[in-house]
Amino acid sequence: MTRRWTFRAYPTETQAEHLAKTFGCCRLVYNGMLAARTAAFQHGERLTYAGTSAKLTVLKKDPELAFLNDVSCVPLQQSLRHLQTAFVNFFATRSAYPTFKKKNKTRDSAEYTRNGFRFNRASQRLTLAKLGVLELQVSRRVEVDPSTVTVTRHPSGRYYVSMVLEVASLSTKRVTTGCAIGIDFGLSRLATLSTGETIPNPRHLTQKSALLARAQRRLSGKQRGSNRYRAQHRRVARLHEQIADARRDSLHKLSTSLVRRFDTIFVEDLHLRGLVQNHHLARALSDASIGTAISMIEVKAEAAGVSVVTIDRWFPSSKQCSACGYLLDRLSLSVRHWTCPPCGTTHDRDINAARNILAVGQTVSARGGGVSAVRTSVRKAGRLRSVNHPGTKPATAP
């Protein structure tokens, strides 16, 4: 299995200056070649990756751009490959037209392939071309040689190194439990399990909203481009990173717990991209990061040999009684508890939905139809088959 492991990096002052120059050169090459390809496209010509590579060779010979030779050629060549991938995705209608990279707006990165770095597995030391040994905080030993290494600088000033590794599956180490679970994700509770267990929504952004608002007000009062503006900008970026780190930590703990406890996990095929268009729910949905939680569950389930099955988004899990199967005509989102008219069972909305997700998933799985056996990864899945409830619309693949 191919995985990306990320470690914190601590460059020296000299290395930080060299990395800043490398990031700037990568951005210059990317933006310059994007402008060249756009101009060629407007004139009815075609500029391919090979053409941009030839143009890069010419640029390096320009006396005004001699600084391009001070950094490793590997990240510059990778910038051209990333641009080519962006155009391939655009023409395949998978993404929008490529845009220019902006300085100090987003994180900077430089990617090194095998001929641009050396990793010593015995000492766990990483050596980059024209940079030297970069100190890493290795949280777990790397026992295989990385295929690529990416150095990233975040707006807060932190440096990270991510390695693409071919790691072994963990399915042989995991003890099977024979248990299955249905999960209903939401906002009032992050997740509700069919066992009745509820996982509260931490609302990390809400907890830091007052501090973040004050820091952003102070940033708006500084003169743009000044030293105080840059310092305050780093403080705002650090607050955002603290929120993201706390959110990521809680989602990792949730996904790890579920994969360890259950052999089969049933979740809904939520249309999150459409839900986030609702401006009343957009902030809360983004803060909850339900899509990230499901992705983490899928990735860890693939490594552990656990099945993750998605239920059709049109299945009325909240409106159907999990005791007798009665289906309500409508159920407002504000109603959190309701009583079934025929059998008189009082339901918690989320627990009832989780139980219905588990029941329909197990039923259709037992019949062997309409279910994707394992939805291992969104990135690798082509067309996805989901559980379809009789009489409902077919599920659409994400």
Protein backbone atom coordinates (compact mmCIF):
# COMPACT_ATOMS: atom_id res chain seq x y z
CA MET A 1 0.00 0.00 0.00
CA THR A 2 1.21 3.48 -0.85
CA ARG A 3 1.01 5.90 2.06
CA ARG A 4 2.25 9.41 2.79
CA TRP A 5 3.95 9.91 6.15
CA THR A 6 4.53 13.48 7.35
CA PHE A 7 7.16 14.60 9.85
CA ARG A 8 8.04 17.97 11.36
CA ALA A 9 11.28 19.46 10.01
CA TYR A 10 13.65 21.91 11.70
CA PRO A 11 15.96 23.57 9.15
CA THR A 12 18.82 25.82 10.21
CA GLU A 13 18.80 29.51 9.28
CA THR A 14 20.99 28.82 6.27
CA GLN A 15 18.78 25.92 5.19
CA ALA A 16 15.65 28.04 5.68
CA GLU A 17 17.09 30.69 3.36
CA HIS A 18 17.93 28.04 0.77
CA LEU A 19 14.44 26.53 1.05
CA ALA A 20 12.88 29.98 0.64
CA LYS A 21 14.89 30.42 -2.56
CA THR A 22 13.82 26.96 -3.72
CA PHE A 23 10.15 27.71 -3.07
CA GLY A 24 10.46 31.00 -4.92
CA CYS A 25 12.15 29.38 -7.93
CA CYS A 26 9.48 26.65 -8.08
CA ARG A 27 6.76 29.30 -7.98
CA LEU A 28 8.53 31.34 -10.67
CA VAL A 29 8.89 28.35 -12.98
CA TYR A 30 5.29 27.23 -12.44
CA ASN A 31 3.80 30.68 -13.05
CA GLY A 32 6.06 31.41 -16.01
CA MET A 33 5.22 28.17 -17.77
CA LEU A 34 1.54 28.57 -16.97
CA ALA A 35 1.61 32.00 -18.65
CA ALA A 36 3.48 30.53 -21.64
CA ARG A 37 1.02 27.66 -22.04
CA THR A 38 -1.94 30.03 -21.69
CA ALA A 39 -0.53 32.35 -24.37
CA ALA A 40 0.12 29.43 -26.70
CA PHE A 41 -3.39 28.12 -26.10
CA GLN A 42 -4.92 31.51 -26.96
CA HIS A 43 -2.99 31.54 -30.25
CA GLY A 44 -4.21 28.09 -31.18
CA GLU A 45 -0.87 26.44 -30.44
CA ARG A 46 -0.01 23.61 -28.10
CA LEU A 47 2.80 23.72 -25.56
CA THR A 48 3.40 20.33 -23.97
CA TYR A 49 5.45 19.23 -20.97
CA ALA A 50 8.44 18.58 -23.26
CA GLY A 51 8.16 22.14 -24.58
CA THR A 52 8.10 23.66 -21.10
CA SER A 53 11.10 21.53 -20.11
CA ALA A 54 13.02 22.90 -23.09
CA LYS A 55 11.99 26.46 -22.13
CA LEU A 56 13.28 25.85 -18.59
CA THR A 57 16.70 24.96 -20.00
CA VAL A 58 16.72 28.25 -21.90
CA LEU A 59 15.66 30.19 -18.80
CA LYS A 60 18.57 28.80 -16.79
CA LYS A 61 20.99 30.25 -19.35
CA ASP A 62 19.49 33.74 -18.99
CA PRO A 63 21.90 35.92 -16.92
CA GLU A 64 18.96 37.62 -15.19
CA LEU A 65 17.66 34.22 -14.03
CA ALA A 66 21.01 32.73 -13.06
CA PHE A 67 19.69 32.16 -9.52
CA LEU A 68 17.68 29.20 -10.88
CA ASN A 69 20.97 27.29 -10.96
CA ASP A 70 21.54 27.87 -7.23
CA VAL A 71 18.80 25.39 -6.28
CA SER A 72 18.32 21.75 -7.17
CA CYS A 73 16.89 21.13 -10.62
CA VAL A 74 14.66 18.32 -9.33
CA PRO A 75 11.97 20.53 -7.65
CA LEU A 76 11.91 22.79 -10.72
CA GLN A 77 11.30 19.81 -12.99
CA GLN A 78 8.60 18.54 -10.63
CA SER A 79 6.86 21.92 -10.87
CA LEU A 80 6.53 21.35 -14.62
CA ARG A 81 5.09 17.89 -13.99
CA HIS A 82 2.58 19.32 -11.52
CA LEU A 83 1.56 21.90 -14.12
CA GLN A 84 1.12 19.15 -16.69
CA THR A 85 -1.08 17.21 -14.25
CA ALA A 86 -3.17 20.35 -13.64
CA PHE A 87 -3.78 20.74 -17.38
CA VAL A 88 -4.60 17.03 -17.78
CA ASN A 89 -7.19 17.33 -15.00
CA PHE A 90 -8.60 20.49 -16.57
CA PHE A 91 -9.07 18.94 -20.01
CA ALA A 92 -10.59 15.85 -18.37
CA THR A 93 -13.11 18.20 -16.64
CA ARG A 94 -11.90 17.07 -13.22
CA SER A 95 -10.80 20.53 -12.11
CA ALA A 96 -10.83 24.20 -13.05
CA TYR A 97 -8.23 25.95 -15.18
CA PRO A 98 -4.84 26.16 -13.40
CA THR A 99 -4.20 29.38 -11.49
CA PHE A 100 -1.03 31.23 -10.60
CA LYS A 101 0.70 30.52 -7.31
CA LYS A 102 0.78 33.49 -4.92
CA LYS A 103 3.52 34.38 -2.49
CA ASN A 104 2.70 34.35 1.24
CA LYS A 105 -0.90 33.30 0.56
CA THR A 106 -0.71 29.54 0.79
CA ARG A 107 1.82 26.95 1.88
CA ASP A 108 5.00 26.64 -0.20
CA SER A 109 6.33 23.25 -1.27
CA ALA A 110 9.14 21.63 -3.20
CA GLU A 111 9.07 18.00 -4.28
CA TYR A 112 12.19 15.84 -4.63
CA THR A 113 12.34 12.53 -6.50
CA ARG A 114 14.85 9.74 -5.84
CA ASN A 115 17.71 11.49 -7.63
CA GLY A 116 17.24 14.60 -5.47
CA PHE A 117 17.49 13.12 -1.97
CA ARG A 118 19.08 10.33 0.06
CA PHE A 119 17.49 8.73 3.10
CA ASN A 120 19.55 6.66 5.55
CA ARG A 121 17.26 4.08 7.14
CA ALA A 122 19.78 3.20 9.85
CA SER A 123 20.17 6.75 11.18
CA GLN A 124 16.77 8.01 9.88
CA ARG A 125 18.52 11.03 8.33
CA LEU A 126 17.33 12.82 5.21
CA THR A 127 19.79 14.54 2.87
CA LEU A 128 18.46 16.86 0.15
CA ALA A 129 20.35 17.99 -2.92
CA LYS A 130 22.21 21.30 -2.43
CA LEU A 131 20.74 21.55 1.09
CA GLY A 132 22.43 18.89 3.20
CA VAL A 133 21.05 16.95 6.13
CA LEU A 134 17.62 18.20 7.23
CA GLU A 135 16.72 17.54 10.86
CA LEU A 136 13.43 15.66 11.26
CA GLN A 137 11.26 14.73 14.21
CA VAL A 138 10.69 11.10 13.23
CA SER A 139 7.67 9.87 15.17
CA ARG A 140 7.88 6.34 13.69
CA ARG A 141 10.73 4.57 11.97
CA VAL A 142 10.82 4.52 8.20
CA GLU A 143 11.91 1.04 7.13
CA VAL A 144 11.61 1.49 3.34
CA ASP A 145 13.08 3.98 0.90
CA PRO A 146 10.67 6.81 0.01
CA SER A 147 9.77 7.29 -3.64
CA THR A 148 9.33 11.06 -3.30
CA VAL A 149 9.95 13.62 -0.57
CA THR A 150 8.08 16.94 -0.33
CA VAL A 151 9.26 19.81 1.87
CA THR A 152 6.46 22.18 2.88
CA ARG A 153 6.47 25.53 4.67
CA HIS A 154 3.18 26.57 6.22
CA PRO A 155 2.11 30.24 6.64
CA SER A 156 2.79 29.89 10.39
CA GLY A 157 6.47 29.24 9.67
CA ARG A 158 6.43 25.51 10.36
CA TYR A 159 8.28 23.13 8.06
CA TYR A 160 7.14 19.60 7.27
CA VAL A 161 8.53 16.74 5.21
CA SER A 162 6.14 14.22 3.68
CA MET A 163 7.39 10.93 2.27
CA VAL A 164 5.57 8.62 -0.12
CA LEU A 165 6.18 5.07 1.11
CA GLU A 166 5.17 1.55 0.17
CA VAL A 167 4.11 0.07 3.52
CA ALA A 168 2.80 -3.36 4.45
CA SER A 169 -0.85 -4.07 5.25
CA LEU A 170 -1.91 -4.22 8.90
CA SER A 171 -4.69 -6.76 8.32
CA THR A 172 -2.53 -9.67 9.51
CA LYS A 173 -1.88 -7.97 12.87
CA ARG A 174 -5.50 -7.09 13.64
CA VAL A 175 -7.73 -9.42 15.65
CA THR A 176 -11.18 -9.78 14.08
CA THR A 177 -14.13 -8.94 16.33
CA GLY A 178 -17.05 -10.15 14.19
CA CYS A 179 -18.96 -6.95 14.93
CA ALA A 180 -20.65 -4.56 12.52
CA ILE A 181 -21.76 -0.98 13.11
CA GLY A 182 -23.94 1.62 11.44
CA ILE A 183 -22.87 5.26 11.73
CA ASP A 184 -24.97 8.39 11.28
CA PHE A 185 -22.88 11.56 10.96
CA GLY A 186 -24.33 14.91 11.92
CA LEU A 187 -23.69 18.34 13.41
CA SER A 188 -25.32 18.27 16.85
CA ARG A 189 -23.36 15.04 17.35
CA LEU A 190 -20.41 14.28 15.17
CA ALA A 191 -21.33 10.60 14.95
CA THR A 192 -24.04 8.36 16.36
CA LEU A 193 -23.52 4.59 16.41
CA SER A 194 -26.23 1.98 16.04
CA THR A 195 -25.30 0.72 19.53
CA GLY A 196 -26.59 3.99 20.97
CA GLU A 197 -23.12 5.41 21.57
CA THR A 198 -22.74 9.07 20.62
CA ILE A 199 -19.58 11.00 19.77
CA PRO A 200 -19.98 14.72 20.54
CA ASN A 201 -19.03 17.37 18.02
CA PRO A 202 -15.95 19.16 19.45
CA ARG A 203 -16.61 22.36 17.43
CA HIS A 204 -12.94 23.36 17.45
CA LEU A 205 -13.50 26.48 15.34
CA THR A 206 -16.25 27.73 17.65
CA GLN A 207 -14.00 27.31 20.69
CA LYS A 208 -11.28 29.48 19.12
CA SER A 209 -13.57 31.92 17.31
CA ALA A 210 -13.14 34.74 19.84
CA LEU A 211 -9.33 34.50 19.80
CA LEU A 212 -9.32 34.22 16.02
CA ALA A 213 -11.59 37.25 15.58
CA ARG A 214 -9.41 39.37 17.85
CA ALA A 215 -6.23 38.30 16.05
CA GLN A 216 -7.76 39.08 12.66
CA ARG A 217 -8.93 42.53 13.83
CA ARG A 218 -5.39 43.29 14.94
CA LEU A 219 -4.10 42.08 11.58
CA SER A 220 -6.46 44.41 9.72
CA GLY A 221 -5.07 47.36 11.70
CA LYS A 222 -1.48 46.74 10.61
CA GLN A 223 0.06 48.29 7.52
CA ARG A 224 0.13 45.63 4.81
CA GLY A 225 3.67 44.51 4.02
CA SER A 226 5.21 45.82 7.25
CA ASN A 227 7.14 43.69 9.75
CA ARG A 228 4.32 43.94 12.29
CA TYR A 229 1.83 42.87 9.63
CA ARG A 230 3.92 39.77 8.81
CA ALA A 231 4.32 38.92 12.50
CA GLN A 232 0.58 39.24 13.15
CA HIS A 233 -0.13 37.24 9.99
CA ARG A 234 1.95 34.38 11.43
CA ARG A 235 -0.01 34.58 14.69
CA VAL A 236 -3.30 34.24 12.79
CA ALA A 237 -1.86 31.33 10.80
CA ARG A 238 -0.74 29.61 14.02
CA LEU A 239 -4.29 29.89 15.41
CA HIS A 240 -5.68 28.30 12.27
CA GLU A 241 -3.10 25.51 12.56
CA GLN A 242 -4.02 24.90 16.20
CA ILE A 243 -7.67 24.49 15.17
CA ALA A 244 -6.75 22.18 12.29
CA ASP A 245 -4.39 20.11 14.50
CA ALA A 246 -7.04 19.67 17.20
CA ARG A 247 -9.65 18.69 14.61
CA ARG A 248 -7.31 16.23 12.92
CA ASP A 249 -6.36 14.68 16.27
CA SER A 250 -9.98 14.05 17.29
CA LEU A 251 -10.83 12.56 13.89
CA HIS A 252 -7.79 10.27 14.02
CA LYS A 253 -8.85 9.00 17.44
CA LEU A 254 -12.42 8.41 16.24
CA SER A 255 -11.45 6.58 13.04
CA THR A 256 -8.81 4.44 14.78
CA SER A 257 -11.28 3.39 17.49
CA LEU A 258 -13.95 2.38 14.96
CA VAL A 259 -11.56 0.37 12.78
CA ARG A 260 -10.19 -1.50 15.79
CA ARG A 261 -13.61 -2.36 17.23
CA PHE A 262 -15.62 -3.38 14.15
CA ASP A 263 -15.10 -5.64 11.14
CA THR A 264 -17.77 -3.98 8.98
CA ILE A 265 -18.70 -0.30 9.02
CA PHE A 266 -21.81 1.05 7.29
CA VAL A 267 -21.98 4.78 6.48
CA GLU A 268 -24.21 7.00 4.36
CA ASP A 269 -23.11 8.30 0.96
CA LEU A 270 -23.52 11.96 1.94
CA HIS A 271 -23.54 14.68 -0.72
CA LEU A 272 -21.28 16.98 1.30
CA ARG A 273 -20.36 19.20 -1.63
CA GLY A 274 -24.02 20.04 -2.06
CA LEU A 275 -24.71 20.42 1.66
CA VAL A 276 -21.90 22.93 2.12
CA GLN A 277 -23.60 25.21 -0.43
CA ASN A 278 -26.17 26.00 2.28
CA HIS A 279 -24.71 29.12 3.88
CA HIS A 280 -26.57 28.36 7.12
CA LEU A 281 -24.68 25.08 7.54
CA ALA A 282 -21.42 25.70 5.65
CA ARG A 283 -19.31 26.79 8.62
CA ALA A 284 -20.59 24.04 10.92
CA LEU A 285 -20.11 21.37 8.23
CA SER A 286 -16.59 22.53 7.48
CA ASP A 287 -15.74 22.59 11.18
CA ALA A 288 -17.08 19.07 11.69
CA SER A 289 -15.09 17.73 8.67
CA ILE A 290 -17.38 14.76 8.13
CA GLY A 291 -15.80 14.04 4.76
CA THR A 292 -12.34 13.88 6.33
CA ALA A 293 -13.63 11.53 9.02
CA ILE A 294 -15.07 9.15 6.41
CA SER A 295 -11.85 9.31 4.37
CA MET A 296 -9.77 8.45 7.43
CA ILE A 297 -12.04 5.51 8.20
CA GLU A 298 -11.70 4.25 4.62
CA VAL A 299 -7.92 4.55 4.53
CA LYS A 300 -7.41 2.85 7.90
CA ALA A 301 -10.00 0.20 7.07
CA GLU A 302 -8.12 -0.67 3.88
CA ALA A 303 -4.89 -1.14 5.83
CA ALA A 304 -6.60 -3.25 8.52
CA GLY A 305 -8.76 -5.37 6.21
CA VAL A 306 -12.03 -3.88 7.46
CA SER A 307 -15.02 -3.47 5.12
CA VAL A 308 -16.54 -0.02 4.69
CA VAL A 309 -19.92 -0.11 2.92
CA THR A 310 -21.82 2.99 1.82
CA ILE A 311 -25.59 3.25 1.95
CA ASP A 312 -27.53 5.10 -0.74
CA ARG A 313 -28.00 8.77 0.17
CA TRP A 314 -31.70 8.55 -0.79
CA PHE A 315 -32.45 5.86 1.81
CA PRO A 316 -34.83 7.44 4.40
CA SER A 317 -32.83 6.41 7.46
CA SER A 318 -34.23 9.11 9.76
CA LYS A 319 -37.92 8.84 8.76
CA GLN A 320 -38.20 5.05 8.95
CA CYS A 321 -38.99 3.30 12.21
CA SER A 322 -36.20 0.86 13.05
CA ALA A 323 -38.62 -1.27 15.08
CA CYS A 324 -41.54 -1.86 12.68
CA GLY A 325 -40.42 -0.28 9.40
CA TYR A 326 -43.12 2.43 9.26
CA LEU A 327 -42.12 5.37 7.05
CA LEU A 328 -43.12 8.95 7.89
CA ASP A 329 -44.23 11.25 5.10
CA ARG A 330 -41.88 14.00 6.26
CA LEU A 331 -39.65 14.77 9.22
CA SER A 332 -38.35 18.28 9.87
CA LEU A 333 -34.67 18.67 10.66
CA SER A 334 -35.55 20.43 13.90
CA VAL A 335 -37.35 17.31 15.22
CA ARG A 336 -34.78 15.33 17.20
CA HIS A 337 -37.19 12.80 18.76
CA TRP A 338 -40.35 11.28 17.33
CA THR A 339 -42.83 8.51 18.17
CA CYS A 340 -43.85 5.86 15.64
CA PRO A 341 -47.69 5.97 15.18
CA PRO A 342 -48.25 2.21 14.65
CA CYS A 343 -45.94 0.70 17.29
CA GLY A 344 -45.56 3.64 19.67
CA THR A 345 -41.75 3.40 19.82
CA THR A 346 -40.06 6.69 20.70
CA HIS A 347 -36.93 7.28 18.64
CA ASP A 348 -33.91 9.43 18.98
CA ARG A 349 -33.51 10.70 15.41
CA ASP A 350 -29.78 9.94 15.07
CA ILE A 351 -29.79 6.57 16.85
CA ASN A 352 -32.77 5.47 14.76
CA ALA A 353 -30.94 6.48 11.57
CA ALA A 354 -27.80 4.60 12.60
CA ARG A 355 -29.81 1.44 13.33
CA ASN A 356 -31.56 1.67 9.96
CA ILE A 357 -28.21 2.11 8.20
CA LEU A 358 -26.89 -1.02 9.90
CA ALA A 359 -30.05 -3.04 9.18
CA VAL A 360 -30.34 -2.22 5.48
CA GLY A 361 -26.61 -2.69 5.00
CA GLN A 362 -26.61 -6.13 6.58
CA THR A 363 -29.77 -7.18 4.72
CA VAL A 364 -28.57 -6.26 1.26
CA SER A 365 -25.04 -7.52 1.98
CA ALA A 366 -26.49 -10.89 2.96
CA ARG A 367 -28.39 -11.05 -0.36
CA GLY A 368 -25.15 -10.20 -2.15
CA GLY A 369 -26.55 -7.43 -4.33
CA GLY A 370 -26.33 -3.68 -4.61
CA VAL A 371 -23.36 -3.29 -2.30
CA SER A 372 -19.78 -2.30 -2.96
CA ALA A 373 -17.87 -4.96 -1.03
CA VAL A 374 -15.24 -2.58 0.25
CA ARG A 375 -15.04 1.09 -0.53
CA THR A 376 -11.34 1.25 0.20
CA SER A 377 -10.40 4.71 -0.98
CA VAL A 378 -12.18 7.60 -2.65
CA ARG A 379 -9.02 8.39 -4.60
CA LYS A 380 -8.83 4.89 -6.07
CA ALA A 381 -12.51 4.09 -6.47
CA GLY A 382 -13.83 4.61 -9.99
CA ARG A 383 -17.56 4.00 -10.00
CA LEU A 384 -19.06 3.27 -6.61
CA ARG A 385 -22.06 1.01 -6.06
CA SER A 386 -24.06 1.72 -2.93
CA VAL A 387 -26.92 0.08 -1.11
CA ASN A 388 -30.14 1.10 -2.86
CA HIS A 389 -33.39 1.03 -0.96
CA PRO A 390 -36.30 -0.36 -3.03
CA GLY A 391 -38.27 2.39 -4.68
CA THR A 392 -35.64 5.10 -4.28
CA LYS A 393 -33.38 6.85 -6.74
CA PRO A 394 -30.07 5.17 -7.59
CA ALA A 395 -26.97 6.44 -5.83
CA THR A 396 -24.63 8.70 -7.73
CA ALA A 397 -20.92 8.06 -7.51
CA PRO A 398 -18.83 10.91 -6.05
